[in-house]
Amino acid sequence: QVQLVESGGGLVQPGGSLRLSCAASGFAFSSSGMSWYRQAPGKERELVAVINTFGHSTYYADSVKGRFTISRDNAKNTMYLQMNSLKPEDTAVYYCKAVRILTTYWGQGTQVTVST
């Protein structure tokens, strides 16, 4: 059974940090491209960051570049998103996505709220 389980979300003040995790099981994680998306209330889901299978190549949306870092540990079947200098506009549900060949898997999401 394929599972992507996000964790690490929560409430944080502006300027704070959070580390999201995405634990994968039931498919070939190490040969899957992985990414983080987010969806704010009333907005479309948007791409946040992408990492290739070996973690050597990454991509970031302009809105998070320099503040967020995507990484993965293939030995633990886990992907991470380190989020620093958080802003209220980073408030959203964050989802992880896996793509292998022509198959896409999504997690259920974790809520991140940046507020005083």
N, C-alpha and C. Protein backbone atom coordinates (compact mmCIF):
# COMPACT_ATOMS: atom_id res chain seq x y z
N GLN A 1 0.84 -1.20 0.00
CA GLN A 1 0.00 0.00 0.00
C GLN A 1 0.88 1.25 0.00
N VAL A 2 0.64 2.12 -0.97
CA VAL A 2 1.42 3.34 -1.09
C VAL A 2 0.97 4.36 -0.05
N GLN A 3 1.96 4.93 0.64
CA GLN A 3 1.65 5.98 1.61
C GLN A 3 2.70 7.07 1.55
N LEU A 4 2.22 8.30 1.61
CA LEU A 4 3.05 9.49 1.82
C LEU A 4 2.45 10.21 3.00
N VAL A 5 3.21 10.32 4.08
CA VAL A 5 2.68 10.91 5.30
C VAL A 5 3.51 12.12 5.68
N GLU A 6 2.88 13.30 5.61
CA GLU A 6 3.56 14.53 6.00
C GLU A 6 3.41 14.76 7.50
N SER A 7 4.40 15.41 8.08
CA SER A 7 4.35 15.78 9.48
C SER A 7 5.24 17.00 9.70
N GLY A 8 5.09 17.61 10.87
CA GLY A 8 5.95 18.74 11.23
C GLY A 8 5.30 20.10 11.10
N GLY A 9 4.07 20.14 10.60
CA GLY A 9 3.38 21.42 10.50
C GLY A 9 2.96 21.93 11.87
N GLY A 10 2.47 23.17 11.87
CA GLY A 10 2.01 23.75 13.12
C GLY A 10 1.89 25.25 13.02
N LEU A 11 1.76 25.87 14.18
CA LEU A 11 1.65 27.32 14.28
C LEU A 11 3.00 27.90 14.67
N VAL A 12 3.45 28.89 13.93
CA VAL A 12 4.75 29.51 14.20
C VAL A 12 4.62 31.02 13.99
N GLN A 13 5.40 31.77 14.72
CA GLN A 13 5.39 33.22 14.55
C GLN A 13 6.20 33.63 13.32
N PRO A 14 5.88 34.78 12.75
CA PRO A 14 6.69 35.28 11.62
C PRO A 14 8.17 35.33 12.00
N GLY A 15 9.01 34.91 11.06
CA GLY A 15 10.44 34.83 11.32
C GLY A 15 10.90 33.51 11.88
N GLY A 16 9.96 32.67 12.27
CA GLY A 16 10.30 31.38 12.85
C GLY A 16 10.62 30.32 11.81
N SER A 17 10.84 29.11 12.31
CA SER A 17 11.23 27.99 11.45
C SER A 17 10.39 26.75 11.74
N LEU A 18 10.24 25.94 10.74
CA LEU A 18 9.62 24.62 10.86
C LEU A 18 10.35 23.67 9.92
N ARG A 19 10.32 22.38 10.28
CA ARG A 19 10.86 21.36 9.40
C ARG A 19 9.77 20.34 9.12
N LEU A 20 9.38 20.25 7.87
CA LEU A 20 8.38 19.27 7.46
C LEU A 20 9.07 17.98 7.03
N SER A 21 8.41 16.87 7.28
CA SER A 21 8.89 15.56 6.83
C SER A 21 7.81 14.89 6.00
N CYS A 22 8.24 14.08 5.07
CA CYS A 22 7.33 13.28 4.24
C CYS A 22 7.87 11.86 4.24
N ALA A 23 7.20 10.97 4.97
CA ALA A 23 7.63 9.58 5.06
C ALA A 23 6.91 8.75 4.01
N ALA A 24 7.69 8.02 3.21
CA ALA A 24 7.14 7.26 2.09
C ALA A 24 7.23 5.77 2.34
N SER A 25 6.24 5.05 1.83
CA SER A 25 6.27 3.59 1.90
C SER A 25 5.41 3.01 0.78
N GLY A 26 5.71 1.76 0.40
CA GLY A 26 4.89 1.06 -0.58
C GLY A 26 5.27 1.30 -2.04
N PHE A 27 6.34 2.05 -2.28
CA PHE A 27 6.80 2.26 -3.66
C PHE A 27 8.30 2.56 -3.63
N ALA A 28 8.89 2.64 -4.81
CA ALA A 28 10.35 2.83 -4.92
C ALA A 28 10.71 4.29 -4.71
N PHE A 29 10.83 4.67 -3.45
CA PHE A 29 11.11 6.07 -3.11
C PHE A 29 12.41 6.56 -3.74
N SER A 30 13.46 5.75 -3.65
CA SER A 30 14.78 6.22 -4.09
C SER A 30 14.86 6.49 -5.59
N SER A 31 13.93 5.96 -6.36
CA SER A 31 13.93 6.21 -7.80
C SER A 31 12.77 7.11 -8.21
N SER A 32 12.24 7.84 -7.26
CA SER A 32 11.12 8.75 -7.52
C SER A 32 11.55 10.19 -7.36
N GLY A 33 11.10 11.03 -8.28
CA GLY A 33 11.26 12.46 -8.10
C GLY A 33 10.28 12.93 -7.04
N MET A 34 10.74 13.82 -6.17
CA MET A 34 9.92 14.25 -5.05
C MET A 34 9.77 15.76 -5.06
N SER A 35 8.65 16.23 -4.56
CA SER A 35 8.42 17.66 -4.50
C SER A 35 7.47 18.03 -3.37
N TRP A 36 7.51 19.31 -3.02
CA TRP A 36 6.57 19.88 -2.05
C TRP A 36 5.68 20.89 -2.79
N TYR A 37 4.41 20.84 -2.47
CA TYR A 37 3.43 21.81 -2.95
C TYR A 37 2.76 22.43 -1.73
N ARG A 38 2.06 23.53 -1.97
CA ARG A 38 1.25 24.10 -0.91
C ARG A 38 -0.01 24.71 -1.50
N GLN A 39 -1.03 24.78 -0.66
CA GLN A 39 -2.30 25.37 -1.08
C GLN A 39 -2.85 26.23 0.05
N ALA A 40 -2.96 27.51 -0.23
CA ALA A 40 -3.54 28.45 0.74
C ALA A 40 -5.05 28.53 0.50
N PRO A 41 -5.81 28.94 1.52
CA PRO A 41 -7.26 29.04 1.36
C PRO A 41 -7.65 29.93 0.18
N GLY A 42 -8.50 29.41 -0.67
CA GLY A 42 -8.98 30.19 -1.81
C GLY A 42 -8.02 30.29 -2.96
N LYS A 43 -6.88 29.60 -2.87
CA LYS A 43 -5.88 29.67 -3.93
C LYS A 43 -5.61 28.29 -4.52
N GLU A 44 -5.01 28.27 -5.69
CA GLU A 44 -4.66 27.01 -6.32
C GLU A 44 -3.41 26.43 -5.65
N ARG A 45 -3.27 25.12 -5.76
CA ARG A 45 -2.08 24.46 -5.25
C ARG A 45 -0.88 24.91 -6.09
N GLU A 46 0.22 25.22 -5.41
CA GLU A 46 1.40 25.72 -6.12
C GLU A 46 2.64 24.94 -5.74
N LEU A 47 3.55 24.86 -6.69
CA LEU A 47 4.81 24.16 -6.47
C LEU A 47 5.72 24.98 -5.57
N VAL A 48 6.32 24.34 -4.58
CA VAL A 48 7.23 25.00 -3.66
C VAL A 48 8.68 24.62 -3.97
N ALA A 49 8.95 23.33 -4.06
CA ALA A 49 10.33 22.87 -4.27
C ALA A 49 10.33 21.46 -4.84
N VAL A 50 11.40 21.15 -5.57
CA VAL A 50 11.56 19.84 -6.21
C VAL A 50 12.96 19.33 -5.93
N ILE A 51 13.08 18.01 -5.79
CA ILE A 51 14.40 17.39 -5.63
C ILE A 51 14.45 16.13 -6.47
N ASN A 52 15.59 15.89 -7.11
CA ASN A 52 15.69 14.71 -7.97
C ASN A 52 16.00 13.47 -7.14
N THR A 53 16.15 12.34 -7.82
CA THR A 53 16.20 11.06 -7.12
C THR A 53 17.38 10.96 -6.16
N PHE A 54 18.53 11.50 -6.54
CA PHE A 54 19.71 11.39 -5.68
C PHE A 54 19.92 12.62 -4.80
N GLY A 55 19.07 13.61 -4.96
CA GLY A 55 19.19 14.82 -4.16
C GLY A 55 20.23 15.79 -4.66
N HIS A 56 20.76 15.57 -5.86
CA HIS A 56 21.81 16.43 -6.38
C HIS A 56 21.27 17.68 -7.06
N SER A 57 20.01 17.65 -7.43
CA SER A 57 19.42 18.76 -8.15
C SER A 57 18.14 19.19 -7.46
N THR A 58 18.01 20.50 -7.26
CA THR A 58 16.82 21.04 -6.60
C THR A 58 16.31 22.26 -7.37
N TYR A 59 15.05 22.57 -7.13
CA TYR A 59 14.41 23.74 -7.72
C TYR A 59 13.51 24.36 -6.65
N TYR A 60 13.46 25.69 -6.63
CA TYR A 60 12.62 26.39 -5.67
C TYR A 60 11.79 27.45 -6.37
N ALA A 61 10.56 27.62 -5.90
CA ALA A 61 9.77 28.75 -6.34
C ALA A 61 10.44 30.03 -5.86
N ASP A 62 10.29 31.08 -6.64
CA ASP A 62 10.92 32.35 -6.28
C ASP A 62 10.50 32.83 -4.90
N SER A 63 9.27 32.55 -4.53
CA SER A 63 8.73 33.04 -3.26
C SER A 63 9.40 32.42 -2.04
N VAL A 64 10.08 31.28 -2.20
CA VAL A 64 10.70 30.61 -1.05
C VAL A 64 12.21 30.49 -1.20
N LYS A 65 12.74 30.89 -2.34
CA LYS A 65 14.18 30.75 -2.61
C LYS A 65 14.98 31.50 -1.54
N GLY A 66 15.99 30.84 -0.99
CA GLY A 66 16.83 31.44 0.03
C GLY A 66 16.30 31.26 1.44
N ARG A 67 15.05 30.80 1.57
CA ARG A 67 14.45 30.58 2.90
C ARG A 67 14.15 29.12 3.18
N PHE A 68 13.79 28.39 2.14
CA PHE A 68 13.43 26.97 2.28
C PHE A 68 14.52 26.10 1.69
N THR A 69 14.69 24.91 2.27
CA THR A 69 15.64 23.93 1.75
C THR A 69 14.98 22.56 1.69
N ILE A 70 14.98 21.98 0.50
CA ILE A 70 14.44 20.64 0.31
C ILE A 70 15.59 19.63 0.37
N SER A 71 15.33 18.48 0.98
CA SER A 71 16.34 17.43 1.05
C SER A 71 15.64 16.08 1.15
N ARG A 72 16.43 15.03 1.01
CA ARG A 72 15.86 13.68 1.11
C ARG A 72 16.91 12.74 1.67
N ASP A 73 16.41 11.68 2.33
CA ASP A 73 17.25 10.62 2.85
C ASP A 73 16.69 9.32 2.29
N ASN A 74 17.31 8.82 1.24
CA ASN A 74 16.78 7.62 0.59
C ASN A 74 16.88 6.38 1.48
N ALA A 75 17.82 6.38 2.41
CA ALA A 75 17.93 5.25 3.33
C ALA A 75 16.75 5.19 4.30
N LYS A 76 16.14 6.35 4.54
CA LYS A 76 14.99 6.42 5.45
C LYS A 76 13.67 6.60 4.71
N ASN A 77 13.73 6.63 3.38
CA ASN A 77 12.51 6.86 2.57
C ASN A 77 11.77 8.11 3.03
N THR A 78 12.52 9.16 3.25
CA THR A 78 11.92 10.38 3.80
C THR A 78 12.46 11.61 3.07
N MET A 79 11.57 12.57 2.84
CA MET A 79 11.92 13.86 2.27
C MET A 79 11.64 14.93 3.31
N TYR A 80 12.38 16.02 3.23
CA TYR A 80 12.24 17.09 4.21
C TYR A 80 12.08 18.45 3.53
N LEU A 81 11.51 19.38 4.27
CA LEU A 81 11.48 20.78 3.85
C LEU A 81 11.80 21.62 5.08
N GLN A 82 12.99 22.19 5.10
CA GLN A 82 13.36 23.10 6.16
C GLN A 82 12.91 24.49 5.76
N MET A 83 12.08 25.09 6.61
CA MET A 83 11.50 26.40 6.30
C MET A 83 11.96 27.40 7.35
N ASN A 84 12.72 28.38 6.91
CA ASN A 84 13.22 29.43 7.79
C ASN A 84 12.62 30.78 7.39
N SER A 85 12.75 31.74 8.28
CA SER A 85 12.26 33.10 8.03
C SER A 85 10.83 33.08 7.50
N LEU A 86 9.98 32.33 8.17
CA LEU A 86 8.61 32.16 7.70
C LEU A 86 7.83 33.47 7.74
N LYS A 87 6.96 33.61 6.75
CA LYS A 87 6.13 34.80 6.60
C LYS A 87 4.65 34.39 6.66
N PRO A 88 3.78 35.35 7.01
CA PRO A 88 2.34 35.01 7.03
C PRO A 88 1.86 34.44 5.69
N GLU A 89 2.43 34.89 4.59
CA GLU A 89 2.01 34.39 3.29
C GLU A 89 2.46 32.96 3.01
N ASP A 90 3.25 32.39 3.90
CA ASP A 90 3.61 30.97 3.78
C ASP A 90 2.53 30.07 4.38
N THR A 91 1.53 30.66 5.00
CA THR A 91 0.44 29.87 5.58
C THR A 91 -0.29 29.09 4.50
N ALA A 92 -0.37 27.78 4.68
CA ALA A 92 -0.98 26.91 3.69
C ALA A 92 -0.96 25.47 4.20
N VAL A 93 -1.66 24.61 3.49
CA VAL A 93 -1.49 23.18 3.68
C VAL A 93 -0.37 22.74 2.73
N TYR A 94 0.62 22.05 3.30
CA TYR A 94 1.77 21.62 2.52
C TYR A 94 1.64 20.13 2.21
N TYR A 95 1.84 19.80 0.93
CA TYR A 95 1.70 18.43 0.45
C TYR A 95 3.01 17.94 -0.15
N CYS A 96 3.30 16.68 0.02
CA CYS A 96 4.41 16.09 -0.70
C CYS A 96 3.87 15.26 -1.86
N LYS A 97 4.66 15.21 -2.92
CA LYS A 97 4.29 14.48 -4.12
C LYS A 97 5.46 13.64 -4.59
N ALA A 98 5.14 12.44 -5.04
CA ALA A 98 6.14 11.54 -5.61
C ALA A 98 5.76 11.21 -7.04
N VAL A 99 6.74 11.20 -7.91
CA VAL A 99 6.51 10.83 -9.31
C VAL A 99 7.52 9.78 -9.72
N ARG A 100 7.01 8.66 -10.19
CA ARG A 100 7.90 7.61 -10.70
C ARG A 100 7.31 7.09 -12.00
N ILE A 101 8.06 7.25 -13.06
CA ILE A 101 7.63 6.89 -14.42
C ILE A 101 6.34 7.67 -14.70
N LEU A 102 5.22 7.05 -14.82
CA LEU A 102 3.98 7.76 -15.15
C LEU A 102 2.99 7.79 -13.98
N THR A 103 3.47 7.47 -12.79
CA THR A 103 2.59 7.38 -11.63
C THR A 103 2.90 8.50 -10.64
N THR A 104 1.86 9.13 -10.14
CA THR A 104 1.99 10.22 -9.17
C THR A 104 1.27 9.85 -7.88
N TYR A 105 1.93 10.12 -6.75
CA TYR A 105 1.34 9.89 -5.44
C TYR A 105 1.35 11.21 -4.66
N TRP A 106 0.30 11.42 -3.87
CA TRP A 106 0.19 12.61 -3.03
C TRP A 106 0.00 12.21 -1.57
N GLY A 107 0.52 13.03 -0.68
CA GLY A 107 0.24 12.87 0.73
C GLY A 107 -1.05 13.60 1.08
N GLN A 108 -1.43 13.51 2.35
CA GLN A 108 -2.69 14.09 2.80
C GLN A 108 -2.54 15.55 3.22
N GLY A 109 -1.30 16.00 3.38
CA GLY A 109 -1.05 17.39 3.72
C GLY A 109 -0.85 17.64 5.20
N THR A 110 -0.11 18.71 5.49
CA THR A 110 0.08 19.16 6.87
C THR A 110 -0.07 20.67 6.90
N GLN A 111 -0.78 21.17 7.90
CA GLN A 111 -1.09 22.60 7.96
C GLN A 111 0.08 23.38 8.56
N VAL A 112 0.45 24.44 7.89
CA VAL A 112 1.45 25.40 8.41
C VAL A 112 0.76 26.75 8.53
N THR A 113 0.78 27.31 9.72
CA THR A 113 0.18 28.62 9.97
C THR A 113 1.23 29.54 10.55
N VAL A 114 1.44 30.67 9.88
CA VAL A 114 2.42 31.66 10.33
C VAL A 114 1.64 32.89 10.78
N SER A 115 1.66 33.12 12.08
CA SER A 115 0.83 34.19 12.63
C SER A 115 1.32 34.58 14.01
N THR A 116 1.01 35.82 14.38
CA THR A 116 1.31 36.28 15.74
C THR A 116 0.14 35.92 16.65
